[in-house]
Amino acid sequence: MNEVLFHLHNVGVTPWKLIGYIGAFTFTARWFVQLYYTKKLKRVVMPMAFWWLSVTGSILLLSYFIFGKNDSVGILSNLFPAFVSVYNLIVDIRHRREIAAAQ
């Protein structure tokens, strides 16, 4: 236990690590947004905020893993979700434009 406390106490926060922490927090926050909307509407929904948080979190985490840590596992684990999130945003934006044009 003392070793764990020692390592936690001596964690240095660099600017890149701060970007990584913010990215991880942002990427995690999307699930709380999704949970809130599902509870509010009493059905499963994926609001636009979910996808925006996904894209933002992925970009921040990719930046951290590319420039701050140079970790190929982190890069690969965040690259695919970034593409899926961007794709879902594009599909939703197109759908909203089609609905607006039809009215």
N, C-alpha and C. Protein backbone atom coordinates (compact mmCIF):
# COMPACT_ATOMS: atom_id res chain seq x y z
N MET A 1 0.82 -1.19 0.00
CA MET A 1 0.00 0.00 0.00
C MET A 1 0.87 1.26 0.00
N ASN A 2 1.96 1.21 0.75
CA ASN A 2 2.85 2.37 0.80
C ASN A 2 3.44 2.68 -0.57
N GLU A 3 3.71 1.63 -1.35
CA GLU A 3 4.27 1.84 -2.70
C GLU A 3 3.27 2.55 -3.60
N VAL A 4 2.01 2.16 -3.50
CA VAL A 4 0.96 2.81 -4.29
C VAL A 4 0.84 4.28 -3.91
N LEU A 5 0.80 4.56 -2.62
CA LEU A 5 0.72 5.95 -2.15
C LEU A 5 1.94 6.75 -2.58
N PHE A 6 3.12 6.13 -2.55
CA PHE A 6 4.33 6.81 -2.99
C PHE A 6 4.22 7.21 -4.46
N HIS A 7 3.77 6.28 -5.29
CA HIS A 7 3.65 6.57 -6.72
C HIS A 7 2.58 7.61 -6.99
N LEU A 8 1.46 7.56 -6.27
CA LEU A 8 0.42 8.56 -6.45
C LEU A 8 0.90 9.94 -6.00
N HIS A 9 1.69 9.98 -4.95
CA HIS A 9 2.19 11.25 -4.43
C HIS A 9 3.21 11.87 -5.38
N ASN A 10 3.95 11.05 -6.09
CA ASN A 10 5.01 11.54 -6.96
C ASN A 10 4.61 11.62 -8.43
N VAL A 11 3.33 11.67 -8.70
CA VAL A 11 2.86 11.78 -10.08
C VAL A 11 3.05 13.23 -10.53
N GLY A 12 3.84 13.39 -11.55
CA GLY A 12 4.04 14.73 -12.10
C GLY A 12 3.02 15.00 -13.18
N VAL A 13 2.44 16.17 -13.16
CA VAL A 13 1.44 16.53 -14.17
C VAL A 13 2.10 17.47 -15.16
N THR A 14 2.35 16.93 -16.35
CA THR A 14 2.91 17.72 -17.43
C THR A 14 1.77 18.30 -18.25
N PRO A 15 2.04 19.28 -19.11
CA PRO A 15 0.95 19.79 -19.97
C PRO A 15 0.30 18.69 -20.81
N TRP A 16 1.10 17.76 -21.35
CA TRP A 16 0.52 16.68 -22.15
C TRP A 16 -0.32 15.74 -21.29
N LYS A 17 0.13 15.48 -20.07
CA LYS A 17 -0.64 14.62 -19.19
C LYS A 17 -1.97 15.30 -18.83
N LEU A 18 -1.94 16.60 -18.64
CA LEU A 18 -3.17 17.35 -18.37
C LEU A 18 -4.14 17.23 -19.54
N ILE A 19 -3.63 17.32 -20.76
CA ILE A 19 -4.46 17.12 -21.95
C ILE A 19 -5.05 15.70 -21.94
N GLY A 20 -4.24 14.71 -21.58
CA GLY A 20 -4.72 13.34 -21.49
C GLY A 20 -5.81 13.18 -20.44
N TYR A 21 -5.63 13.81 -19.27
CA TYR A 21 -6.65 13.74 -18.22
C TYR A 21 -7.95 14.39 -18.67
N ILE A 22 -7.84 15.55 -19.30
CA ILE A 22 -9.04 16.24 -19.79
C ILE A 22 -9.73 15.40 -20.86
N GLY A 23 -8.95 14.79 -21.73
CA GLY A 23 -9.51 13.91 -22.76
C GLY A 23 -10.23 12.71 -22.17
N ALA A 24 -9.62 12.09 -21.16
CA ALA A 24 -10.24 10.94 -20.51
C ALA A 24 -11.53 11.36 -19.80
N PHE A 25 -11.50 12.50 -19.14
CA PHE A 25 -12.70 13.01 -18.46
C PHE A 25 -13.80 13.30 -19.48
N THR A 26 -13.45 13.96 -20.58
CA THR A 26 -14.42 14.30 -21.62
C THR A 26 -15.01 13.04 -22.25
N PHE A 27 -14.14 12.07 -22.55
CA PHE A 27 -14.59 10.83 -23.17
C PHE A 27 -15.52 10.07 -22.23
N THR A 28 -15.24 10.11 -20.93
CA THR A 28 -16.08 9.45 -19.94
C THR A 28 -17.39 10.21 -19.72
N ALA A 29 -17.34 11.53 -19.78
CA ALA A 29 -18.53 12.36 -19.53
C ALA A 29 -19.65 12.06 -20.52
N ARG A 30 -19.31 11.59 -21.70
CA ARG A 30 -20.34 11.31 -22.70
C ARG A 30 -21.33 10.27 -22.21
N TRP A 31 -20.87 9.32 -21.39
CA TRP A 31 -21.77 8.30 -20.87
C TRP A 31 -22.74 8.87 -19.85
N PHE A 32 -22.32 9.86 -19.10
CA PHE A 32 -23.23 10.51 -18.15
C PHE A 32 -24.29 11.32 -18.90
N VAL A 33 -23.89 11.92 -20.01
CA VAL A 33 -24.86 12.65 -20.85
C VAL A 33 -25.88 11.67 -21.42
N GLN A 34 -25.40 10.54 -21.92
CA GLN A 34 -26.29 9.53 -22.50
C GLN A 34 -27.23 8.98 -21.42
N LEU A 35 -26.71 8.73 -20.24
CA LEU A 35 -27.53 8.24 -19.14
C LEU A 35 -28.60 9.25 -18.75
N TYR A 36 -28.23 10.52 -18.69
CA TYR A 36 -29.18 11.58 -18.35
C TYR A 36 -30.33 11.63 -19.35
N TYR A 37 -30.02 11.63 -20.64
CA TYR A 37 -31.08 11.71 -21.65
C TYR A 37 -31.94 10.45 -21.68
N THR A 38 -31.33 9.30 -21.47
CA THR A 38 -32.11 8.07 -21.44
C THR A 38 -33.07 8.08 -20.26
N LYS A 39 -32.60 8.52 -19.12
CA LYS A 39 -33.45 8.59 -17.93
C LYS A 39 -34.55 9.63 -18.12
N LYS A 40 -34.20 10.77 -18.69
CA LYS A 40 -35.16 11.86 -18.89
C LYS A 40 -36.26 11.46 -19.87
N LEU A 41 -35.87 10.84 -20.99
CA LEU A 41 -36.84 10.50 -22.03
C LEU A 41 -37.43 9.09 -21.88
N LYS A 42 -36.90 8.33 -20.91
CA LYS A 42 -37.37 6.98 -20.63
C LYS A 42 -37.26 6.04 -21.84
N ARG A 43 -36.23 6.26 -22.63
CA ARG A 43 -35.88 5.38 -23.75
C ARG A 43 -34.40 5.62 -24.06
N VAL A 44 -33.78 4.68 -24.72
CA VAL A 44 -32.36 4.80 -25.01
C VAL A 44 -32.15 5.80 -26.15
N VAL A 45 -31.35 6.81 -25.88
CA VAL A 45 -31.03 7.83 -26.89
C VAL A 45 -29.54 8.11 -26.87
N MET A 46 -29.05 8.53 -28.02
CA MET A 46 -27.66 8.96 -28.16
C MET A 46 -27.71 10.41 -28.63
N PRO A 47 -27.74 11.37 -27.71
CA PRO A 47 -27.87 12.77 -28.10
C PRO A 47 -26.62 13.28 -28.81
N MET A 48 -26.78 14.39 -29.51
CA MET A 48 -25.64 15.00 -30.23
C MET A 48 -24.48 15.28 -29.29
N ALA A 49 -24.79 15.67 -28.05
CA ALA A 49 -23.73 15.96 -27.08
C ALA A 49 -22.84 14.74 -26.86
N PHE A 50 -23.43 13.54 -26.92
CA PHE A 50 -22.65 12.31 -26.78
C PHE A 50 -21.58 12.23 -27.85
N TRP A 51 -21.95 12.51 -29.10
CA TRP A 51 -21.00 12.41 -30.21
C TRP A 51 -19.98 13.54 -30.17
N TRP A 52 -20.40 14.75 -29.78
CA TRP A 52 -19.45 15.85 -29.67
C TRP A 52 -18.42 15.57 -28.58
N LEU A 53 -18.88 15.05 -27.44
CA LEU A 53 -17.95 14.69 -26.37
C LEU A 53 -17.02 13.56 -26.82
N SER A 54 -17.54 12.63 -27.60
CA SER A 54 -16.72 11.53 -28.12
C SER A 54 -15.62 12.05 -29.03
N VAL A 55 -15.98 12.94 -29.95
CA VAL A 55 -14.99 13.50 -30.87
C VAL A 55 -13.95 14.31 -30.11
N THR A 56 -14.41 15.18 -29.21
CA THR A 56 -13.49 16.02 -28.44
C THR A 56 -12.56 15.17 -27.58
N GLY A 57 -13.13 14.21 -26.86
CA GLY A 57 -12.32 13.34 -26.02
C GLY A 57 -11.32 12.53 -26.84
N SER A 58 -11.76 12.01 -27.98
CA SER A 58 -10.85 11.25 -28.85
C SER A 58 -9.71 12.10 -29.37
N ILE A 59 -10.01 13.32 -29.78
CA ILE A 59 -8.95 14.20 -30.29
C ILE A 59 -7.94 14.53 -29.19
N LEU A 60 -8.44 14.84 -28.00
CA LEU A 60 -7.53 15.13 -26.89
C LEU A 60 -6.69 13.91 -26.53
N LEU A 61 -7.32 12.75 -26.45
CA LEU A 61 -6.57 11.54 -26.12
C LEU A 61 -5.59 11.16 -27.22
N LEU A 62 -6.01 11.31 -28.47
CA LEU A 62 -5.08 11.05 -29.58
C LEU A 62 -3.88 11.99 -29.51
N SER A 63 -4.13 13.25 -29.22
CA SER A 63 -3.04 14.22 -29.08
C SER A 63 -2.07 13.79 -27.99
N TYR A 64 -2.63 13.38 -26.86
CA TYR A 64 -1.78 12.93 -25.76
C TYR A 64 -0.96 11.71 -26.16
N PHE A 65 -1.62 10.71 -26.75
CA PHE A 65 -0.90 9.48 -27.09
C PHE A 65 0.08 9.66 -28.25
N ILE A 66 -0.19 10.59 -29.14
CA ILE A 66 0.73 10.83 -30.27
C ILE A 66 1.90 11.69 -29.83
N PHE A 67 1.62 12.83 -29.22
CA PHE A 67 2.67 13.81 -28.92
C PHE A 67 3.22 13.70 -27.50
N GLY A 68 2.36 13.39 -26.55
CA GLY A 68 2.79 13.39 -25.16
C GLY A 68 3.43 12.10 -24.71
N LYS A 69 2.92 10.98 -25.19
CA LYS A 69 3.39 9.69 -24.70
C LYS A 69 3.99 8.81 -25.79
N ASN A 70 3.63 9.03 -27.03
CA ASN A 70 4.09 8.21 -28.16
C ASN A 70 3.79 6.74 -27.90
N ASP A 71 2.50 6.45 -27.70
CA ASP A 71 2.05 5.12 -27.34
C ASP A 71 1.12 4.59 -28.43
N SER A 72 1.59 3.59 -29.17
CA SER A 72 0.82 3.07 -30.30
C SER A 72 -0.47 2.39 -29.86
N VAL A 73 -0.50 1.76 -28.70
CA VAL A 73 -1.71 1.13 -28.20
C VAL A 73 -2.78 2.19 -27.92
N GLY A 74 -2.39 3.28 -27.27
CA GLY A 74 -3.32 4.37 -27.00
C GLY A 74 -3.83 5.02 -28.28
N ILE A 75 -2.94 5.14 -29.26
CA ILE A 75 -3.33 5.73 -30.55
C ILE A 75 -4.39 4.86 -31.21
N LEU A 76 -4.11 3.57 -31.31
CA LEU A 76 -5.05 2.66 -31.97
C LEU A 76 -6.37 2.56 -31.22
N SER A 77 -6.33 2.59 -29.89
CA SER A 77 -7.56 2.44 -29.13
C SER A 77 -8.44 3.69 -29.17
N ASN A 78 -7.90 4.81 -29.62
CA ASN A 78 -8.69 6.04 -29.72
C ASN A 78 -8.96 6.47 -31.15
N LEU A 79 -8.24 5.90 -32.10
CA LEU A 79 -8.41 6.29 -33.49
C LEU A 79 -9.76 5.82 -34.05
N PHE A 80 -10.11 4.57 -33.85
CA PHE A 80 -11.36 4.04 -34.38
C PHE A 80 -12.58 4.75 -33.78
N PRO A 81 -12.66 4.93 -32.44
CA PRO A 81 -13.81 5.66 -31.91
C PRO A 81 -13.94 7.08 -32.46
N ALA A 82 -12.83 7.70 -32.77
CA ALA A 82 -12.88 9.05 -33.35
C ALA A 82 -13.57 9.02 -34.71
N PHE A 83 -13.21 8.05 -35.55
CA PHE A 83 -13.85 7.94 -36.87
C PHE A 83 -15.33 7.62 -36.75
N VAL A 84 -15.69 6.73 -35.85
CA VAL A 84 -17.11 6.37 -35.67
C VAL A 84 -17.90 7.58 -35.17
N SER A 85 -17.33 8.32 -34.25
CA SER A 85 -18.03 9.50 -33.71
C SER A 85 -18.22 10.57 -34.77
N VAL A 86 -17.19 10.83 -35.56
CA VAL A 86 -17.30 11.82 -36.64
C VAL A 86 -18.35 11.36 -37.65
N TYR A 87 -18.33 10.08 -38.02
CA TYR A 87 -19.30 9.55 -38.96
C TYR A 87 -20.73 9.74 -38.43
N ASN A 88 -20.96 9.40 -37.16
CA ASN A 88 -22.30 9.54 -36.58
C ASN A 88 -22.73 11.00 -36.52
N LEU A 89 -21.81 11.90 -36.26
CA LEU A 89 -22.14 13.33 -36.29
C LEU A 89 -22.57 13.76 -37.69
N ILE A 90 -21.82 13.33 -38.69
CA ILE A 90 -22.15 13.69 -40.07
C ILE A 90 -23.52 13.15 -40.46
N VAL A 91 -23.80 11.90 -40.12
CA VAL A 91 -25.10 11.29 -40.43
C VAL A 91 -26.23 12.07 -39.74
N ASP A 92 -26.03 12.41 -38.48
CA ASP A 92 -27.07 13.14 -37.74
C ASP A 92 -27.27 14.54 -38.30
N ILE A 93 -26.21 15.22 -38.64
CA ILE A 93 -26.32 16.57 -39.20
C ILE A 93 -27.05 16.53 -40.54
N ARG A 94 -26.70 15.56 -41.40
CA ARG A 94 -27.41 15.41 -42.69
C ARG A 94 -28.88 15.13 -42.47
N HIS A 95 -29.19 14.26 -41.52
CA HIS A 95 -30.59 13.91 -41.24
C HIS A 95 -31.36 15.14 -40.77
N ARG A 96 -30.77 15.93 -39.90
CA ARG A 96 -31.44 17.14 -39.42
C ARG A 96 -31.66 18.14 -40.55
N ARG A 97 -30.70 18.25 -41.46
CA ARG A 97 -30.86 19.15 -42.62
C ARG A 97 -31.98 18.67 -43.53
N GLU A 98 -32.08 17.34 -43.74
CA GLU A 98 -33.15 16.80 -44.57
C GLU A 98 -34.52 17.09 -43.95
N ILE A 99 -34.62 16.93 -42.66
CA ILE A 99 -35.89 17.22 -41.97
C ILE A 99 -36.23 18.70 -42.09
N ALA A 100 -35.24 19.56 -41.90
CA ALA A 100 -35.47 21.01 -41.99
C ALA A 100 -35.86 21.40 -43.41
N ALA A 101 -35.24 20.78 -44.43
CA ALA A 101 -35.57 21.10 -45.82
C ALA A 101 -36.96 20.62 -46.20
N ALA A 102 -37.41 19.55 -45.59
CA ALA A 102 -38.73 19.00 -45.91
C ALA A 102 -39.87 19.81 -45.31
N GLN A 103 -39.57 20.63 -44.33
CA GLN A 103 -40.63 21.40 -43.66
C GLN A 103 -40.91 22.69 -44.34
